[in-house]
């Protein structure tokens, strides 16, 4: 689902803050912005922790040892693609299908990155590297909404806020993955952990469906994924994801063209 282009930020603007919340955001030091990001990310732990526990359990049951499970989470750090890959590995899918499916699921990260460029274009190469590593659905959703709500934040405030959200979300993900891989077998079967995946994406995506393009991309991707669910080795997802993105892009182009002619 392609996010709409973010407005070009103007941190040097001399206009006053629009409301008390913006005034507080502008007054925060980078350290305070970091803590604010951590605080706003905390509710996601209610789904992040069960989600990562479940991954540790599933990956162990798929035959991975602790080193492989942790290496998977540390290097990939993307729950949806990790679950996709584990499912395909369990189904004995060819390696190329596993890789392509993981890449297809994570194509949205490229669009996330593109929408963050106007806000973080002044970051150094080192900063961009850790931003790319820590960019997950939740850190993106929180950060882009924060930047759009407070467009006059300085670059250091934006980076600090993003770092706060990523720290609060990524560190517990790794810890809970380890717990799932080591003591997950002791979790009773009646304790359902798989609720976390759909709830996470619903809580994150629903507030972001603000434009016709967003809704078109979401509807087409979901409809095609369901229609192609019969295809083996997750091939339906490989088709549904780009179709949804294409639909969103076409609707966005149509809306912009109509707006320019009126």
C-alpha atoms as a PDB file:
ATOM      1  CA  UNK A   1       0.000   0.000   0.000  1.00  0.00           C
ATOM      2  CA  UNK A   2       1.731   3.154  -1.146  1.00  0.00           C
ATOM      3  CA  UNK A   3       1.626   5.980   1.401  1.00  0.00           C
ATOM      4  CA  UNK A   4       0.740   9.417   0.104  1.00  0.00           C
ATOM      5  CA  UNK A   5       3.686  11.795  -0.367  1.00  0.00           C
ATOM      6  CA  UNK A   6       4.536  13.619   2.833  1.00  0.00           C
ATOM      7  CA  UNK A   7       4.421  17.413   2.757  1.00  0.00           C
ATOM      8  CA  UNK A   8       7.837  19.003   2.460  1.00  0.00           C
ATOM      9  CA  UNK A   9       8.878  19.928   6.007  1.00  0.00           C
ATOM     10  CA  UNK A  10      10.067  23.407   6.839  1.00  0.00           C
ATOM     11  CA  UNK A  11      11.885  23.236  10.190  1.00  0.00           C
ATOM     12  CA  UNK A  12      13.184  26.775   9.728  1.00  0.00           C
ATOM     13  CA  UNK A  13       9.694  28.265   9.532  1.00  0.00           C
ATOM     14  CA  UNK A  14       9.159  31.117  11.966  1.00  0.00           C
ATOM     15  CA  UNK A  15       5.415  30.591  12.236  1.00  0.00           C
ATOM     16  CA  UNK A  16       4.180  29.800  15.733  1.00  0.00           C
ATOM     17  CA  UNK A  17       3.103  26.334  16.770  1.00  0.00           C
ATOM     18  CA  UNK A  18      -0.467  25.601  15.784  1.00  0.00           C
ATOM     19  CA  UNK A  19      -1.513  24.130  19.133  1.00  0.00           C
ATOM     20  CA  UNK A  20      -0.155  23.308  22.595  1.00  0.00           C
ATOM     21  CA  UNK A  21       0.818  19.775  21.499  1.00  0.00           C
ATOM     22  CA  UNK A  22       2.979  21.181  18.713  1.00  0.00           C
ATOM     23  CA  UNK A  23       4.528  23.664  21.124  1.00  0.00           C
ATOM     24  CA  UNK A  24       5.450  20.843  23.501  1.00  0.00           C
ATOM     25  CA  UNK A  25       6.882  18.766  20.657  1.00  0.00           C
ATOM     26  CA  UNK A  26       9.040  21.657  19.447  1.00  0.00           C
ATOM     27  CA  UNK A  27      10.294  22.342  22.971  1.00  0.00           C
ATOM     28  CA  UNK A  28      11.533  18.792  23.560  1.00  0.00           C
ATOM     29  CA  UNK A  29      15.255  18.119  23.567  1.00  0.00           C
ATOM     30  CA  UNK A  30      16.429  15.101  21.526  1.00  0.00           C
ATOM     31  CA  UNK A  31      16.569  13.110  24.773  1.00  0.00           C
ATOM     32  CA  UNK A  32      12.996  14.064  25.618  1.00  0.00           C
ATOM     33  CA  UNK A  33      11.919  13.263  22.047  1.00  0.00           C
ATOM     34  CA  UNK A  34      13.548   9.834  22.397  1.00  0.00           C
ATOM     35  CA  UNK A  35      11.623   9.144  25.613  1.00  0.00           C
ATOM     36  CA  UNK A  36       8.400  10.429  24.010  1.00  0.00           C
ATOM     37  CA  UNK A  37       8.871   7.998  21.131  1.00  0.00           C
ATOM     38  CA  UNK A  38       9.399   5.133  23.569  1.00  0.00           C
ATOM     39  CA  UNK A  39       6.274   6.099  25.493  1.00  0.00           C
ATOM     40  CA  UNK A  40       4.089   6.264  22.385  1.00  0.00           C
ATOM     41  CA  UNK A  41       5.398   2.894  21.170  1.00  0.00           C
ATOM     42  CA  UNK A  42       4.620   1.081  24.429  1.00  0.00           C
ATOM     43  CA  UNK A  43       1.013   0.076  23.546  1.00  0.00           C
ATOM     44  CA  UNK A  44       2.340  -1.937  20.602  1.00  0.00           C
ATOM     45  CA  UNK A  45       4.152  -4.223  23.059  1.00  0.00           C
ATOM     46  CA  UNK A  46       0.779  -5.841  23.770  1.00  0.00           C
ATOM     47  CA  UNK A  47       0.973  -7.411  20.316  1.00  0.00           C
ATOM     48  CA  UNK A  48       4.717  -7.313  19.592  1.00  0.00           C
ATOM     49  CA  UNK A  49       5.589  -9.601  22.506  1.00  0.00           C
ATOM     50  CA  UNK A  50       3.054 -12.385  21.711  1.00  0.00           C
ATOM     51  CA  UNK A  51       3.971 -12.052  18.027  1.00  0.00           C
ATOM     52  CA  UNK A  52       7.690 -12.555  18.709  1.00  0.00           C
ATOM     53  CA  UNK A  53       7.064 -15.329  21.239  1.00  0.00           C
ATOM     54  CA  UNK A  54       5.054 -17.121  18.572  1.00  0.00           C
ATOM     55  CA  UNK A  55       7.857 -16.734  16.040  1.00  0.00           C
ATOM     56  CA  UNK A  56      10.353 -18.271  18.452  1.00  0.00           C
ATOM     57  CA  UNK A  57       8.035 -21.217  19.014  1.00  0.00           C
ATOM     58  CA  UNK A  58       7.203 -21.729  15.322  1.00  0.00           C
ATOM     59  CA  UNK A  59      10.814 -21.400  14.168  1.00  0.00           C
ATOM     60  CA  UNK A  60      11.960 -23.950  16.762  1.00  0.00           C
ATOM     61  CA  UNK A  61       9.224 -26.364  15.726  1.00  0.00           C
ATOM     62  CA  UNK A  62      10.365 -25.919  12.118  1.00  0.00           C
ATOM     63  CA  UNK A  63      13.725 -27.411  13.102  1.00  0.00           C
ATOM     64  CA  UNK A  64      15.848 -24.299  13.711  1.00  0.00           C
ATOM     65  CA  UNK A  65      18.225 -24.200  16.665  1.00  0.00           C
ATOM     66  CA  UNK A  66      18.513 -21.173  18.925  1.00  0.00           C
ATOM     67  CA  UNK A  67      21.389 -19.600  16.974  1.00  0.00           C
ATOM     68  CA  UNK A  68      19.446 -19.775  13.700  1.00  0.00           C
ATOM     69  CA  UNK A  69      16.267 -18.434  15.262  1.00  0.00           C
ATOM     70  CA  UNK A  70      18.061 -15.461  16.812  1.00  0.00           C
ATOM     71  CA  UNK A  71      20.130 -14.882  13.687  1.00  0.00           C
ATOM     72  CA  UNK A  72      16.932 -14.806  11.665  1.00  0.00           C
ATOM     73  CA  UNK A  73      15.347 -12.170  13.926  1.00  0.00           C
ATOM     74  CA  UNK A  74      18.495 -10.058  14.312  1.00  0.00           C
ATOM     75  CA  UNK A  75      19.369  -9.991  10.609  1.00  0.00           C
ATOM     76  CA  UNK A  76      15.865  -9.749   9.116  1.00  0.00           C
ATOM     77  CA  UNK A  77      13.959  -7.936  11.887  1.00  0.00           C
ATOM     78  CA  UNK A  78      10.672  -8.147   9.985  1.00  0.00           C
ATOM     79  CA  UNK A  79       8.028 -10.324  11.546  1.00  0.00           C
ATOM     80  CA  UNK A  80       5.687 -10.758   8.582  1.00  0.00           C
ATOM     81  CA  UNK A  81       8.428 -11.877   6.196  1.00  0.00           C
ATOM     82  CA  UNK A  82       9.958 -14.095   8.893  1.00  0.00           C
ATOM     83  CA  UNK A  83       6.656 -15.933   9.389  1.00  0.00           C
ATOM     84  CA  UNK A  84       6.208 -16.192   5.633  1.00  0.00           C
ATOM     85  CA  UNK A  85       9.658 -17.706   5.206  1.00  0.00           C
ATOM     86  CA  UNK A  86       9.198 -20.155   8.094  1.00  0.00           C
ATOM     87  CA  UNK A  87       5.864 -21.332   6.698  1.00  0.00           C
ATOM     88  CA  UNK A  88       7.353 -21.891   3.262  1.00  0.00           C
ATOM     89  CA  UNK A  89      10.388 -23.666   4.704  1.00  0.00           C
ATOM     90  CA  UNK A  90       8.044 -25.948   6.670  1.00  0.00           C
ATOM     91  CA  UNK A  91       6.175 -26.665   3.429  1.00  0.00           C
ATOM     92  CA  UNK A  92       9.497 -27.568   1.733  1.00  0.00           C
ATOM     93  CA  UNK A  93       9.137 -24.754  -0.809  1.00  0.00           C
ATOM     94  CA  UNK A  94      12.136 -24.102  -3.086  1.00  0.00           C
ATOM     95  CA  UNK A  95      14.681 -21.644  -1.700  1.00  0.00           C
ATOM     96  CA  UNK A  96      14.019 -19.153  -4.501  1.00  0.00           C
ATOM     97  CA  UNK A  97      10.306 -19.070  -3.596  1.00  0.00           C
ATOM     98  CA  UNK A  98      11.174 -18.470   0.067  1.00  0.00           C
ATOM     99  CA  UNK A  99      13.471 -15.583  -0.851  1.00  0.00           C
ATOM    100  CA  UNK A 100      11.090 -13.999  -3.367  1.00  0.00           C
ATOM    101  CA  UNK A 101       8.139 -14.291  -0.983  1.00  0.00           C
ATOM    102  CA  UNK A 102      10.089 -12.636   1.814  1.00  0.00           C
ATOM    103  CA  UNK A 103      11.109  -9.817  -0.528  1.00  0.00           C
ATOM    104  CA  UNK A 104       7.535  -9.379  -1.766  1.00  0.00           C
ATOM    105  CA  UNK A 105       6.216  -9.081   1.784  1.00  0.00           C
ATOM    106  CA  UNK A 106       8.877  -6.480   2.555  1.00  0.00           C
ATOM    107  CA  UNK A 107       8.400  -4.389  -0.596  1.00  0.00           C
ATOM    108  CA  UNK A 108       6.391  -1.973   1.529  1.00  0.00           C
ATOM    109  CA  UNK A 109       9.615  -0.977   3.294  1.00  0.00           C
ATOM    110  CA  UNK A 110      10.845   0.668   0.099  1.00  0.00           C
ATOM    111  CA  UNK A 111       7.708   2.816   0.029  1.00  0.00           C
ATOM    112  CA  UNK A 112       8.043   3.581   3.719  1.00  0.00           C
ATOM    113  CA  UNK A 113      11.587   4.763   3.070  1.00  0.00           C
ATOM    114  CA  UNK A 114      10.504   6.948   0.171  1.00  0.00           C
ATOM    115  CA  UNK A 115       7.853   8.689   2.267  1.00  0.00           C
ATOM    116  CA  UNK A 116      10.392   9.367   5.046  1.00  0.00           C
ATOM    117  CA  UNK A 117      12.947  10.986   2.728  1.00  0.00           C
ATOM    118  CA  UNK A 118      11.450  14.518   2.897  1.00  0.00           C
ATOM    119  CA  UNK A 119      11.599  14.400   6.674  1.00  0.00           C
ATOM    120  CA  UNK A 120      15.011  12.787   7.179  1.00  0.00           C
ATOM    121  CA  UNK A 121      16.962  13.835   4.079  1.00  0.00           C
ATOM    122  CA  UNK A 122      19.658  15.560   6.157  1.00  0.00           C
ATOM    123  CA  UNK A 123      20.648  12.395   8.026  1.00  0.00           C
ATOM    124  CA  UNK A 124      24.209  11.111   7.703  1.00  0.00           C
ATOM    125  CA  UNK A 125      25.061   7.816   6.006  1.00  0.00           C
ATOM    126  CA  UNK A 126      25.472   6.137   9.399  1.00  0.00           C
ATOM    127  CA  UNK A 127      22.130   7.455  10.584  1.00  0.00           C
ATOM    128  CA  UNK A 128      20.442   6.281   7.391  1.00  0.00           C
ATOM    129  CA  UNK A 129      21.929   2.826   7.889  1.00  0.00           C
ATOM    130  CA  UNK A 130      20.416   2.338  11.341  1.00  0.00           C
ATOM    131  CA  UNK A 131      17.163   3.965  10.215  1.00  0.00           C
ATOM    132  CA  UNK A 132      16.920   1.383   7.438  1.00  0.00           C
ATOM    133  CA  UNK A 133      17.696  -1.458   9.841  1.00  0.00           C
ATOM    134  CA  UNK A 134      15.173  -0.366  12.487  1.00  0.00           C
ATOM    135  CA  UNK A 135      12.424   0.528  10.006  1.00  0.00           C
ATOM    136  CA  UNK A 136       9.494  -1.703  10.829  1.00  0.00           C
ATOM    137  CA  UNK A 137       5.763  -1.207  10.368  1.00  0.00           C
ATOM    138  CA  UNK A 138       5.162   0.203  13.831  1.00  0.00           C
ATOM    139  CA  UNK A 139       8.178   2.534  13.971  1.00  0.00           C
ATOM    140  CA  UNK A 140       7.214   3.870  10.551  1.00  0.00           C
ATOM    141  CA  UNK A 141       3.528   4.363  11.393  1.00  0.00           C
ATOM    142  CA  UNK A 142       4.294   6.196  14.629  1.00  0.00           C
ATOM    143  CA  UNK A 143       7.062   8.333  13.138  1.00  0.00           C
ATOM    144  CA  UNK A 144       5.350   9.450   9.941  1.00  0.00           C
ATOM    145  CA  UNK A 145       2.223  10.443  11.855  1.00  0.00           C
ATOM    146  CA  UNK A 146       4.357  12.345  14.393  1.00  0.00           C
ATOM    147  CA  UNK A 147       6.286  14.159  11.646  1.00  0.00           C
ATOM    148  CA  UNK A 148       3.133  15.136   9.775  1.00  0.00           C
ATOM    149  CA  UNK A 149       1.468  16.329  12.981  1.00  0.00           C
ATOM    150  CA  UNK A 150       4.527  18.435  13.913  1.00  0.00           C
ATOM    151  CA  UNK A 151       6.226  19.454  10.630  1.00  0.00           C
ATOM    152  CA  UNK A 152       8.524  22.038  12.252  1.00  0.00           C
ATOM    153  CA  UNK A 153      10.519  19.529  14.287  1.00  0.00           C
ATOM    154  CA  UNK A 154      14.282  19.667  13.826  1.00  0.00           C
ATOM    155  CA  UNK A 155      16.131  16.747  12.243  1.00  0.00           C
ATOM    156  CA  UNK A 156      17.631  15.764  15.599  1.00  0.00           C
ATOM    157  CA  UNK A 157      14.167  15.685  17.173  1.00  0.00           C
ATOM    158  CA  UNK A 158      12.827  13.500  14.354  1.00  0.00           C
ATOM    159  CA  UNK A 159      15.751  11.098  14.559  1.00  0.00           C
ATOM    160  CA  UNK A 160      15.464  10.885  18.333  1.00  0.00           C
ATOM    161  CA  UNK A 161      11.724  10.177  18.181  1.00  0.00           C
ATOM    162  CA  UNK A 162      12.263   7.421  15.602  1.00  0.00           C
ATOM    163  CA  UNK A 163      15.076   5.933  17.712  1.00  0.00           C
ATOM    164  CA  UNK A 164      12.787   5.888  20.741  1.00  0.00           C
ATOM    165  CA  UNK A 165      10.042   3.994  18.919  1.00  0.00           C
ATOM    166  CA  UNK A 166      12.517   1.542  17.383  1.00  0.00           C
ATOM    167  CA  UNK A 167      14.224   0.835  20.703  1.00  0.00           C
ATOM    168  CA  UNK A 168      10.942   0.194  22.493  1.00  0.00           C
ATOM    169  CA  UNK A 169       9.766  -2.161  19.730  1.00  0.00           C
ATOM    170  CA  UNK A 170      12.854  -3.936  18.388  1.00  0.00           C
ATOM    171  CA  UNK A 171      14.634  -4.816  21.640  1.00  0.00           C
ATOM    172  CA  UNK A 172      11.579  -6.565  23.166  1.00  0.00           C
ATOM    173  CA  UNK A 173      11.039  -8.330  19.827  1.00  0.00           C
ATOM    174  CA  UNK A 174      14.485  -9.930  20.087  1.00  0.00           C
ATOM    175  CA  UNK A 175      14.133 -10.763  23.789  1.00  0.00           C
ATOM    176  CA  UNK A 176      10.701 -12.340  23.326  1.00  0.00           C
ATOM    177  CA  UNK A 177      11.945 -14.285  20.290  1.00  0.00           C
ATOM    178  CA  UNK A 178      14.666 -15.785  22.482  1.00  0.00           C
ATOM    179  CA  UNK A 179      12.084 -16.614  25.145  1.00  0.00           C
ATOM    180  CA  UNK A 180       9.815 -18.276  22.591  1.00  0.00           C
ATOM    181  CA  UNK A 181      12.695 -20.349  21.229  1.00  0.00           C
ATOM    182  CA  UNK A 182      13.938 -21.444  24.656  1.00  0.00           C
ATOM    183  CA  UNK A 183      10.861 -21.846  26.848  1.00  0.00           C
ATOM    184  CA  UNK A 184       8.107 -21.688  24.225  1.00  0.00           C
ATOM    185  CA  UNK A 185       7.356 -25.389  24.508  1.00  0.00           C
ATOM    186  CA  UNK A 186       6.185 -24.763  28.057  1.00  0.00           C
ATOM    187  CA  UNK A 187       3.428 -22.390  26.884  1.00  0.00           C
ATOM    188  CA  UNK A 188       0.095 -24.248  27.079  1.00  0.00           C
ATOM    189  CA  UNK A 189      -1.522 -24.900  23.711  1.00  0.00           C
ATOM    190  CA  UNK A 190      -4.724 -23.226  24.853  1.00  0.00           C
ATOM    191  CA  UNK A 191      -2.858 -19.919  25.176  1.00  0.00           C
ATOM    192  CA  UNK A 192      -3.334 -18.625  21.629  1.00  0.00           C
ATOM    193  CA  UNK A 193      -0.486 -16.361  20.565  1.00  0.00           C
ATOM    194  CA  UNK A 194      -1.365 -16.127  16.892  1.00  0.00           C
ATOM    195  CA  UNK A 195      -3.956 -13.414  17.575  1.00  0.00           C
ATOM    196  CA  UNK A 196      -1.094 -10.916  17.647  1.00  0.00           C
ATOM    197  CA  UNK A 197      -0.360 -10.891  13.922  1.00  0.00           C
ATOM    198  CA  UNK A 198      -3.748  -9.738  12.554  1.00  0.00           C
ATOM    199  CA  UNK A 199      -4.337  -7.358  15.468  1.00  0.00           C
ATOM    200  CA  UNK A 200      -0.947  -5.712  14.936  1.00  0.00           C
ATOM    201  CA  UNK A 201      -1.616  -4.976  11.289  1.00  0.00           C
ATOM    202  CA  UNK A 202      -5.203  -3.890  11.848  1.00  0.00           C
ATOM    203  CA  UNK A 203      -4.181  -1.473  14.611  1.00  0.00           C
ATOM    204  CA  UNK A 204      -1.385  -0.053  12.470  1.00  0.00           C
ATOM    205  CA  UNK A 205      -2.976   0.112   9.028  1.00  0.00           C
ATOM    206  CA  UNK A 206      -6.566   1.155   9.794  1.00  0.00           C
ATOM    207  CA  UNK A 207      -5.687   4.709  10.963  1.00  0.00           C
ATOM    208  CA  UNK A 208      -3.475   5.173   7.883  1.00  0.00           C
ATOM    209  CA  UNK A 209      -6.228   4.522   5.327  1.00  0.00           C
ATOM    210  CA  UNK A 210      -6.779   8.229   4.846  1.00  0.00           C
ATOM    211  CA  UNK A 211      -6.951   8.572   1.067  1.00  0.00           C
ATOM    212  CA  UNK A 212      -8.706   6.903  -1.847  1.00  0.00           C
ATOM    213  CA  UNK A 213      -5.354   5.547  -3.048  1.00  0.00           C
ATOM    214  CA  UNK A 214      -4.680   3.931   0.325  1.00  0.00           C
ATOM    215  CA  UNK A 215      -8.069   2.251   0.366  1.00  0.00           C
ATOM    216  CA  UNK A 216      -7.759   1.087  -3.237  1.00  0.00           C
ATOM    217  CA  UNK A 217      -4.357  -0.452  -2.609  1.00  0.00           C
ATOM    218  CA  UNK A 218      -5.600  -2.174   0.547  1.00  0.00           C
ATOM    219  CA  UNK A 219      -8.787  -3.516  -1.049  1.00  0.00           C
ATOM    220  CA  UNK A 220      -7.087  -4.848  -4.201  1.00  0.00           C
ATOM    221  CA  UNK A 221      -4.234  -6.464  -2.265  1.00  0.00           C
ATOM    222  CA  UNK A 222      -6.602  -8.174   0.193  1.00  0.00           C
ATOM    223  CA  UNK A 223      -9.045  -9.259  -2.517  1.00  0.00           C
ATOM    224  CA  UNK A 224      -6.313 -10.705  -4.718  1.00  0.00           C
ATOM    225  CA  UNK A 225      -4.578 -12.433  -1.798  1.00  0.00           C
ATOM    226  CA  UNK A 226      -7.859 -14.150  -0.908  1.00  0.00           C
ATOM    227  CA  UNK A 227      -8.675 -14.986  -4.528  1.00  0.00           C
ATOM    228  CA  UNK A 228      -5.221 -16.496  -5.078  1.00  0.00           C
ATOM    229  CA  UNK A 229      -4.947 -18.297  -1.740  1.00  0.00           C
ATOM    230  CA  UNK A 230      -5.210 -21.614  -3.590  1.00  0.00           C
ATOM    231  CA  UNK A 231      -1.824 -21.103  -5.256  1.00  0.00           C
ATOM    232  CA  UNK A 232       1.058 -23.155  -3.822  1.00  0.00           C
ATOM    233  CA  UNK A 233       4.066 -21.860  -1.872  1.00  0.00           C
ATOM    234  CA  UNK A 234       2.625 -18.416  -1.270  1.00  0.00           C
ATOM    235  CA  UNK A 235       2.706 -17.455  -4.941  1.00  0.00           C
ATOM    236  CA  UNK A 236      -0.631 -15.676  -4.547  1.00  0.00           C
ATOM    237  CA  UNK A 237       1.004 -13.185  -2.193  1.00  0.00           C
ATOM    238  CA  UNK A 238       3.732 -12.481  -4.753  1.00  0.00           C
ATOM    239  CA  UNK A 239       1.020 -11.490  -7.214  1.00  0.00           C
ATOM    240  CA  UNK A 240      -1.342  -9.704  -4.802  1.00  0.00           C
ATOM    241  CA  UNK A 241       1.270  -7.374  -3.295  1.00  0.00           C
ATOM    242  CA  UNK A 242       2.398  -5.672  -6.526  1.00  0.00           C
ATOM    243  CA  UNK A 243      -1.188  -5.531  -7.810  1.00  0.00           C
ATOM    244  CA  UNK A 244      -2.234  -3.673  -4.676  1.00  0.00           C
ATOM    245  CA  UNK A 245       0.662  -1.234  -5.009  1.00  0.00           C
ATOM    246  CA  UNK A 246      -0.096  -0.683  -8.676  1.00  0.00           C
ATOM    247  CA  UNK A 247      -3.749   0.007  -7.898  1.00  0.00           C
ATOM    248  CA  UNK A 248      -2.780   2.552  -5.251  1.00  0.00           C
ATOM    249  CA  UNK A 249      -0.344   4.255  -7.601  1.00  0.00           C
ATOM    250  CA  UNK A 250      -2.919   4.440 -10.408  1.00  0.00           C
ATOM    251  CA  UNK A 251      -5.567   5.922  -8.131  1.00  0.00           C
ATOM    252  CA  UNK A 252      -3.047   8.425  -6.760  1.00  0.00           C
ATOM    253  CA  UNK A 253      -2.099   9.421 -10.327  1.00  0.00           C
ATOM    254  CA  UNK A 254      -5.771   9.763 -11.281  1.00  0.00           C
ATOM    255  CA  UNK A 255      -6.542  11.922  -8.241  1.00  0.00           C
ATOM    256  CA  UNK A 256      -3.537  14.192  -8.825  1.00  0.00           C
ATOM    257  CA  UNK A 257      -4.381  14.554 -12.524  1.00  0.00           C
ATOM    258  CA  UNK A 258      -8.008  15.390 -11.731  1.00  0.00           C
ATOM    259  CA  UNK A 259      -6.881  17.917  -9.113  1.00  0.00           C
ATOM    260  CA  UNK A 260      -4.517  19.630 -11.542  1.00  0.00           C
ATOM    261  CA  UNK A 261      -7.230  20.052 -14.175  1.00  0.00           C
ATOM    262  CA  UNK A 262      -9.751  21.643 -11.809  1.00  0.00           C
END
